[in-house]
Amino acid sequence: MQLKLKAIALATALLATGAVSAQEVIKIGHVAPVSGAQAHYGKDNENGARMAIEELNTQNISIGGKKVKFELVAEDDAADPKQGTAAATKLCDAKVNGVVGHLNSGTTIPASKIYNDCGIPEITPSATNPKYSQQGFKTAFRILANDNALGAGLALHAANNLKLKKIAIIDDRTAYGQGVAEVFKKTAQAKGIQIVDEQYTTDKATDFMAILTSIKSKGPDGVFYGGMDPQAGPMLRQMEQLGLSNVKFFGGDGVCTAKLADLSAGAKTLGNVVCAEGGSSLEKMPGGTAWKAKYDAKYPGQFQVYSPYVYDAVFVLVDAMKRANSADPKVYGPKLFETNFTGVTAKVAFESDGELKNPAMTLYVYKDGKKVPLN
């Protein structure tokens, strides 16, 4: 009897070992700034990726006849293009099966060439510069609206709804800031708005008094800022100090965060902000409200903007792998163009250039310090 029991135990152990050895590890890369002034965006994005990976690992998924386990390979690019390309090279060397990222257009665009050269599909959940999809790479996908929608939507609102006549433009000279500012300017001018001043800063600056003093002398009724919230917050404070309290303040998704209220430190000018996001409000997303409740339970107080898009992007990569019955980027990559996936954020399908089909765009304002969708 003892011998029989030992034989059963040995067989069980061998079966277990075989099951483990047959399990394939699929690596999903993620890159965002988790250090520096934009770390709150990056951590939010990474949280979305981790949520997706953890949920996928509860689903007992098999691909190519093997049970698979998903693993997140997370890198920090600190919103710096050089670190972005270094992170992309590292993920290529690690032979990840797909990449979600990067956060910023300035890091995503140079990194996309590296992913293209090593044949790894990349879905950006947040980089909005149209140049990303205009490079002709068959590995580059975007899961939300680009700056053509955001910049134009804000300019049309300024002209058609707010009836503004004179607007000054500031951008931070990054690929994102410059790109969204150019689209805003072109659309605003086409609608008869006069651009009374154009000023430039950096994504590291915090003192805008000289720029804003120059702008004040031109008497604008609106200011557009192409950049991110670490600069927009202090800018709003300094606008109030200079008596620009009745001037509307426009920005793309880079300024459209919950944290903007903290960064503006109670400035009344927060109430003048109109910002745009590429996508529906959480309340109007197919699964937004339920997903946000799960996110808040896991990562209380950390939500910013893009984590639901990151979450969907991970699932979209895996959906293509399942349809191709392979996690090999060369095999499943082309299947991404056939995507028809109902995600948390939207029904995801891609154009031939990797852009999202029928992307939504939402304008937001701030009421009592809270970001709310504009009706």
Protein backbone atom coordinates (compact mmCIF):
# COMPACT_ATOMS: atom_id res chain seq x y z
CA MET A 1 0.00 0.00 0.00
CA GLN A 2 2.84 2.38 0.92
CA LEU A 3 4.56 1.71 -2.41
CA LYS A 4 1.29 2.38 -4.24
CA LEU A 5 0.82 5.68 -2.38
CA LYS A 6 4.39 6.70 -3.17
CA ALA A 7 3.84 5.91 -6.86
CA ILE A 8 0.66 8.02 -6.90
CA ALA A 9 2.46 10.90 -5.17
CA LEU A 10 5.35 10.69 -7.65
CA ALA A 11 2.98 10.63 -10.62
CA THR A 12 1.11 13.62 -9.22
CA ALA A 13 4.38 15.51 -8.74
CA LEU A 14 5.48 14.73 -12.29
CA LEU A 15 2.13 15.85 -13.68
CA ALA A 16 2.38 19.06 -11.70
CA THR A 17 5.93 19.65 -12.97
CA GLY A 18 4.76 19.00 -16.51
CA ALA A 19 1.91 21.46 -16.11
CA VAL A 20 4.29 24.15 -14.90
CA SER A 21 6.83 23.53 -17.63
CA ALA A 22 4.06 23.64 -20.25
CA GLN A 23 2.91 27.06 -19.02
CA GLU A 24 4.16 29.82 -21.26
CA VAL A 25 5.03 33.24 -19.87
CA ILE A 26 3.81 36.14 -22.02
CA LYS A 27 5.52 39.43 -21.26
CA ILE A 28 3.69 42.71 -21.71
CA GLY A 29 5.90 45.79 -21.57
CA HIS A 30 4.67 49.07 -20.14
CA VAL A 31 6.48 52.42 -20.20
CA ALA A 32 5.50 55.69 -18.53
CA PRO A 33 7.12 58.31 -16.28
CA VAL A 34 6.98 56.94 -12.74
CA SER A 35 9.60 59.41 -11.55
CA GLY A 36 9.76 63.19 -11.94
CA ALA A 37 7.04 65.82 -12.16
CA GLN A 38 4.75 63.62 -14.26
CA ALA A 39 4.97 60.55 -12.01
CA HIS A 40 1.29 60.82 -11.01
CA TYR A 41 0.30 60.15 -14.63
CA GLY A 42 2.80 57.30 -14.98
CA LYS A 43 1.80 55.54 -11.77
CA ASP A 44 -1.86 55.77 -12.77
CA ASN A 45 -1.04 54.21 -16.15
CA GLU A 46 1.04 51.46 -14.59
CA ASN A 47 -1.79 50.70 -12.15
CA GLY A 48 -4.11 50.17 -15.13
CA ALA A 49 -1.64 47.73 -16.67
CA ARG A 50 -1.22 45.79 -13.41
CA MET A 51 -4.99 45.51 -12.99
CA ALA A 52 -5.33 44.05 -16.47
CA ILE A 53 -2.47 41.57 -16.00
CA GLU A 54 -3.84 40.38 -12.65
CA GLU A 55 -7.32 39.87 -14.09
CA LEU A 56 -6.00 38.02 -17.15
CA ASN A 57 -4.09 35.66 -14.87
CA THR A 58 -7.36 34.61 -13.19
CA GLN A 59 -8.90 33.55 -16.52
CA ASN A 60 -6.88 30.34 -17.18
CA ILE A 61 -6.15 31.41 -20.75
CA SER A 62 -4.58 28.99 -23.24
CA ILE A 63 -2.83 30.22 -26.39
CA GLY A 64 -1.32 27.87 -28.95
CA GLY A 65 -2.37 24.85 -26.88
CA LYS A 66 -0.50 26.01 -23.77
CA LYS A 67 -1.68 27.53 -20.54
CA VAL A 68 -0.22 31.02 -20.32
CA LYS A 69 0.78 33.35 -17.52
CA PHE A 70 1.03 37.08 -18.17
CA GLU A 71 3.85 39.13 -16.73
CA LEU A 72 4.18 42.93 -16.68
CA VAL A 73 7.62 44.32 -17.54
CA ALA A 74 7.39 47.94 -16.39
CA GLU A 75 9.91 50.63 -17.30
CA ASP A 76 10.27 54.29 -16.31
CA ASP A 77 11.07 56.85 -19.01
CA ALA A 78 10.70 59.95 -16.75
CA ALA A 79 8.95 61.68 -19.73
CA ASP A 80 12.40 62.03 -21.32
CA PRO A 81 12.86 61.02 -25.00
CA LYS A 82 16.36 59.58 -24.40
CA GLN A 83 15.15 57.45 -21.49
CA GLY A 84 12.16 56.50 -23.62
CA THR A 85 14.29 55.06 -26.40
CA ALA A 86 16.53 53.32 -23.83
CA ALA A 87 13.44 51.72 -22.26
CA ALA A 88 12.20 50.62 -25.70
CA THR A 89 15.56 49.02 -26.49
CA LYS A 90 15.48 47.24 -23.13
CA LEU A 91 12.01 45.83 -23.84
CA CYS A 92 13.10 44.65 -27.29
CA ASP A 93 16.12 42.94 -25.74
CA ALA A 94 13.83 41.32 -23.15
CA LYS A 95 11.75 39.96 -26.06
CA VAL A 96 8.45 41.18 -24.64
CA ASN A 97 5.42 40.04 -26.63
CA GLY A 98 3.81 43.48 -26.83
CA VAL A 99 4.04 46.99 -25.38
CA VAL A 100 1.54 49.42 -23.89
CA GLY A 101 2.97 52.94 -23.85
CA HIS A 102 4.51 55.37 -23.82
CA LEU A 103 2.58 58.12 -22.04
CA ASN A 104 3.99 61.21 -23.76
CA SER A 105 4.14 61.89 -27.48
CA GLY A 106 7.75 63.05 -27.07
CA THR A 107 8.77 59.61 -25.81
CA THR A 108 6.30 57.52 -27.82
CA ILE A 109 7.29 58.77 -31.28
CA PRO A 110 11.05 57.99 -31.07
CA ALA A 111 10.38 54.73 -29.21
CA SER A 112 7.90 53.60 -31.89
CA LYS A 113 10.70 53.26 -34.45
CA ILE A 114 12.58 50.93 -32.11
CA TYR A 115 9.50 48.74 -31.60
CA ASN A 116 8.87 48.74 -35.34
CA ASP A 117 12.47 47.68 -36.05
CA CYS A 118 12.25 44.79 -33.59
CA GLY A 119 8.72 43.86 -34.70
CA ILE A 120 6.84 44.36 -31.43
CA PRO A 121 3.28 45.78 -31.50
CA GLU A 122 2.81 48.92 -29.41
CA ILE A 123 -0.47 50.49 -28.30
CA THR A 124 -0.24 53.97 -26.82
CA PRO A 125 -2.99 54.76 -24.31
CA SER A 126 -2.22 58.48 -24.06
CA ALA A 127 0.21 59.91 -26.64
CA THR A 128 -1.91 62.07 -28.94
CA ASN A 129 0.41 63.69 -31.51
CA PRO A 130 -0.85 62.65 -34.99
CA LYS A 131 2.74 62.14 -36.21
CA TYR A 132 2.84 58.85 -34.27
CA SER A 133 0.48 57.16 -36.74
CA GLN A 134 1.80 59.00 -39.80
CA GLN A 135 5.14 57.15 -39.83
CA GLY A 136 3.69 54.14 -41.63
CA PHE A 137 4.63 51.61 -38.93
CA LYS A 138 2.47 48.48 -38.87
CA THR A 139 3.30 48.02 -35.18
CA ALA A 140 1.93 51.38 -33.93
CA PHE A 141 -1.62 51.69 -32.56
CA ARG A 142 -3.48 54.36 -30.58
CA ILE A 143 -6.51 53.67 -28.38
CA LEU A 144 -7.90 57.21 -28.00
CA ALA A 145 -8.47 60.35 -30.07
CA ASN A 146 -5.45 62.30 -31.30
CA ASP A 147 -4.65 66.02 -31.11
CA ASN A 148 -6.54 66.74 -34.32
CA ALA A 149 -9.71 66.02 -32.37
CA LEU A 150 -8.63 67.61 -29.07
CA GLY A 151 -7.14 70.85 -30.36
CA ALA A 152 -9.92 71.36 -32.88
CA GLY A 153 -12.66 70.57 -30.36
CA LEU A 154 -11.35 73.18 -27.92
CA ALA A 155 -10.99 75.84 -30.63
CA LEU A 156 -14.51 75.21 -31.91
CA HIS A 157 -15.87 75.51 -28.36
CA ALA A 158 -13.97 78.79 -27.86
CA ALA A 159 -15.36 80.22 -31.09
CA ASN A 160 -18.86 78.78 -31.35
CA ASN A 161 -19.97 78.55 -27.72
CA LEU A 162 -17.87 81.08 -25.82
CA LYS A 163 -17.66 83.59 -28.70
CA LEU A 164 -14.05 84.49 -27.87
CA LYS A 165 -12.22 86.89 -30.18
CA LYS A 166 -8.61 87.08 -28.95
CA ILE A 167 -6.53 84.18 -27.63
CA ALA A 168 -2.87 83.86 -26.63
CA ILE A 169 -1.06 80.54 -27.03
CA ILE A 170 1.69 79.04 -24.86
CA ASP A 171 3.32 75.66 -25.49
CA ASP A 172 6.05 73.70 -23.75
CA ARG A 173 7.92 72.80 -27.00
CA THR A 174 7.41 69.06 -26.47
CA ALA A 175 6.00 66.95 -29.30
CA TYR A 176 2.69 66.85 -27.44
CA GLY A 177 2.46 70.49 -26.39
CA GLN A 178 3.58 71.90 -29.71
CA GLY A 179 1.35 69.53 -31.67
CA VAL A 180 -1.90 70.24 -29.83
CA ALA A 181 -1.17 74.00 -29.83
CA GLU A 182 -0.67 73.99 -33.61
CA VAL A 183 -4.01 72.27 -34.19
CA PHE A 184 -5.78 74.67 -31.81
CA LYS A 185 -4.22 77.69 -33.52
CA LYS A 186 -5.10 76.54 -37.04
CA THR A 187 -8.72 75.80 -36.13
CA ALA A 188 -9.15 78.97 -34.06
CA GLN A 189 -7.85 81.16 -36.87
CA ALA A 190 -10.13 79.43 -39.37
CA LYS A 191 -13.03 80.39 -37.09
CA GLY A 192 -11.97 84.04 -37.03
CA ILE A 193 -10.26 84.11 -33.65
CA GLN A 194 -7.23 86.42 -33.50
CA ILE A 195 -4.07 84.85 -32.01
CA VAL A 196 -2.68 87.90 -30.18
CA ASP A 197 0.50 86.32 -28.76
CA GLU A 198 2.51 83.09 -28.94
CA GLN A 199 4.87 82.21 -26.11
CA TYR A 200 7.04 79.20 -25.32
CA THR A 201 8.20 77.50 -22.15
CA THR A 202 9.51 74.06 -21.14
CA ASP A 203 8.05 71.04 -19.40
CA LYS A 204 10.31 71.77 -16.40
CA ALA A 205 9.41 75.47 -15.85
CA THR A 206 7.38 76.78 -12.92
CA ASP A 207 7.75 80.58 -13.27
CA PHE A 208 5.57 82.07 -16.01
CA MET A 209 5.32 85.68 -14.78
CA ALA A 210 7.30 87.19 -17.70
CA ILE A 211 5.30 85.22 -20.29
CA LEU A 212 1.97 86.05 -18.69
CA THR A 213 2.87 89.73 -18.26
CA SER A 214 3.56 89.91 -21.99
CA ILE A 215 0.28 88.17 -22.74
CA LYS A 216 -1.68 90.46 -20.39
CA SER A 217 -0.56 93.50 -22.38
CA LYS A 218 -2.28 92.04 -25.48
CA GLY A 219 -5.69 91.88 -23.76
CA PRO A 220 -6.73 88.29 -24.62
CA ASP A 221 -10.03 86.79 -23.49
CA GLY A 222 -8.50 83.31 -23.56
CA VAL A 223 -5.17 81.50 -23.12
CA PHE A 224 -4.42 78.10 -24.63
CA TYR A 225 -1.66 76.05 -23.01
CA GLY A 226 -0.10 73.07 -24.81
CA GLY A 227 1.55 71.06 -22.06
CA MET A 228 1.01 69.10 -18.86
CA ASP A 229 -0.48 69.85 -15.44
CA PRO A 230 2.79 70.43 -13.48
CA GLN A 231 3.08 73.66 -15.49
CA ALA A 232 -0.63 74.44 -15.88
CA GLY A 233 -1.21 74.50 -12.11
CA PRO A 234 1.40 77.21 -11.32
CA MET A 235 0.36 79.07 -14.49
CA LEU A 236 -3.22 79.34 -13.19
CA ARG A 237 -1.96 80.66 -9.83
CA GLN A 238 0.21 83.27 -11.53
CA MET A 239 -2.61 84.31 -13.86
CA GLU A 240 -4.69 85.11 -10.79
CA GLN A 241 -1.80 87.09 -9.24
CA LEU A 242 -1.50 89.17 -12.42
CA GLY A 243 -5.20 89.98 -12.55
CA LEU A 244 -6.02 87.62 -15.43
CA SER A 245 -8.91 86.21 -13.40
CA ASN A 246 -11.54 86.54 -16.13
CA VAL A 247 -9.49 84.94 -18.91
CA LYS A 248 -10.55 81.47 -20.10
CA PHE A 249 -7.83 78.82 -19.94
CA PHE A 250 -7.78 75.98 -22.48
CA GLY A 251 -5.70 72.81 -22.56
CA GLY A 252 -5.63 69.29 -23.93
CA ASP A 253 -5.64 66.03 -21.99
CA GLY A 254 -2.23 66.85 -20.49
CA VAL A 255 -3.80 69.43 -18.18
CA CYS A 256 -7.13 67.63 -17.80
CA THR A 257 -6.43 65.84 -14.52
CA ALA A 258 -7.88 65.65 -11.02
CA LYS A 259 -4.48 66.78 -9.73
CA LEU A 260 -4.77 70.14 -11.52
CA ALA A 261 -6.96 71.36 -8.66
CA ASP A 262 -4.14 70.65 -6.16
CA LEU A 263 -1.43 72.06 -8.43
CA SER A 264 -3.33 75.32 -8.86
CA ALA A 265 -3.49 75.61 -5.04
CA GLY A 266 -6.97 77.04 -4.76
CA ALA A 267 -6.60 79.61 -7.55
CA LYS A 268 -9.97 81.00 -8.64
CA THR A 269 -8.76 80.72 -12.24
CA LEU A 270 -9.31 76.94 -12.02
CA GLY A 271 -12.95 77.78 -12.67
CA ASN A 272 -11.95 79.24 -16.07
CA VAL A 273 -10.40 76.00 -17.32
CA VAL A 274 -11.86 74.12 -20.30
CA CYS A 275 -9.88 70.99 -21.18
CA ALA A 276 -10.32 68.09 -23.56
CA GLU A 277 -9.80 64.34 -23.29
CA GLY A 278 -9.78 61.84 -26.12
CA GLY A 279 -12.59 59.53 -25.09
CA SER A 280 -15.91 59.51 -23.30
CA SER A 281 -16.30 60.56 -19.68
CA LEU A 282 -16.09 57.63 -17.26
CA GLU A 283 -19.85 57.78 -16.77
CA LYS A 284 -20.43 57.34 -20.51
CA MET A 285 -17.80 54.65 -21.11
CA PRO A 286 -19.28 51.14 -21.65
CA GLY A 287 -17.75 49.87 -18.41
CA GLY A 288 -16.34 53.05 -16.88
CA THR A 289 -18.28 53.36 -13.62
CA ALA A 290 -17.83 49.73 -12.53
CA TRP A 291 -14.17 49.75 -13.57
CA LYS A 292 -13.46 52.97 -11.64
CA ALA A 293 -14.96 51.45 -8.48
CA LYS A 294 -12.57 48.49 -8.81
CA TYR A 295 -9.64 50.81 -9.49
CA ASP A 296 -10.39 53.03 -6.48
CA ALA A 297 -10.66 50.03 -4.20
CA LYS A 298 -7.23 48.84 -5.32
CA TYR A 299 -5.46 52.19 -5.78
CA PRO A 300 -7.35 54.78 -3.68
CA GLY A 301 -6.73 58.40 -4.63
CA GLN A 302 -4.40 57.59 -7.54
CA PHE A 303 -6.70 57.90 -10.57
CA GLN A 304 -5.72 60.57 -13.10
CA VAL A 305 -6.75 60.15 -16.76
CA TYR A 306 -5.37 57.31 -18.81
CA SER A 307 -5.44 54.11 -16.71
CA PRO A 308 -8.68 52.76 -18.25
CA TYR A 309 -7.09 53.11 -21.71
CA VAL A 310 -3.99 51.25 -20.51
CA TYR A 311 -6.22 48.53 -19.09
CA ASP A 312 -8.06 48.17 -22.40
CA ALA A 313 -4.81 48.24 -24.39
CA VAL A 314 -3.48 45.21 -22.49
CA PHE A 315 -6.70 43.30 -23.16
CA VAL A 316 -6.64 44.31 -26.85
CA LEU A 317 -3.12 42.86 -27.26
CA VAL A 318 -4.21 39.61 -25.61
CA ASP A 319 -7.42 39.48 -27.66
CA ALA A 320 -5.30 39.56 -30.85
CA MET A 321 -3.05 36.79 -29.46
CA LYS A 322 -6.08 34.63 -28.72
CA ARG A 323 -7.51 35.16 -32.22
CA ALA A 324 -4.14 34.35 -33.79
CA ASN A 325 -3.63 31.42 -31.39
CA SER A 326 -0.10 32.73 -30.91
CA ALA A 327 1.76 35.22 -28.74
CA ASP A 328 4.46 35.62 -31.41
CA PRO A 329 4.38 39.33 -32.39
CA LYS A 330 4.90 38.45 -36.07
CA VAL A 331 1.86 36.16 -35.99
CA TYR A 332 -0.61 38.08 -33.84
CA GLY A 333 0.48 41.62 -34.83
CA PRO A 334 -1.52 41.69 -38.11
CA LYS A 335 -4.60 40.52 -36.18
CA LEU A 336 -4.66 43.85 -34.33
CA PHE A 337 -5.98 45.47 -37.53
CA GLU A 338 -8.99 43.11 -37.30
CA THR A 339 -9.74 44.08 -33.68
CA ASN A 340 -13.40 44.39 -32.69
CA PHE A 341 -13.18 44.48 -28.91
CA THR A 342 -15.67 45.92 -26.43
CA GLY A 343 -13.49 47.44 -23.74
CA VAL A 344 -14.07 49.56 -20.66
CA THR A 345 -13.45 52.77 -22.62
CA ALA A 346 -15.05 52.07 -26.00
CA LYS A 347 -15.64 49.61 -28.80
CA VAL A 348 -12.05 49.24 -30.02
CA ALA A 349 -11.32 48.89 -33.72
CA PHE A 350 -8.41 50.34 -35.68
CA GLU A 351 -8.02 52.16 -38.98
CA SER A 352 -5.36 50.99 -41.44
CA ASP A 353 -2.89 53.49 -39.92
CA GLY A 354 -3.42 52.21 -36.36
CA GLU A 355 -5.68 55.08 -35.27
CA LEU A 356 -8.83 54.27 -33.29
CA LYS A 357 -11.99 54.17 -35.40
CA ASN A 358 -14.70 56.66 -34.39
CA PRO A 359 -12.89 58.13 -31.37
CA ALA A 360 -14.91 60.12 -28.85
CA MET A 361 -13.81 63.46 -27.36
CA THR A 362 -15.05 65.08 -24.15
CA LEU A 363 -14.66 68.61 -22.83
CA TYR A 364 -14.32 69.17 -19.08
CA VAL A 365 -14.55 72.10 -16.68
CA TYR A 366 -13.79 72.43 -12.96
CA LYS A 367 -16.59 73.10 -10.50
CA ASP A 368 -15.84 73.44 -6.78
CA GLY A 369 -12.38 72.02 -7.47
CA LYS A 370 -13.72 68.88 -9.18
CA LYS A 371 -13.28 67.96 -12.84
CA VAL A 372 -16.70 67.43 -14.44
CA PRO A 373 -17.78 66.79 -18.05
CA LEU A 374 -19.19 69.81 -19.85
CA ASN A 375 -22.79 69.24 -20.90
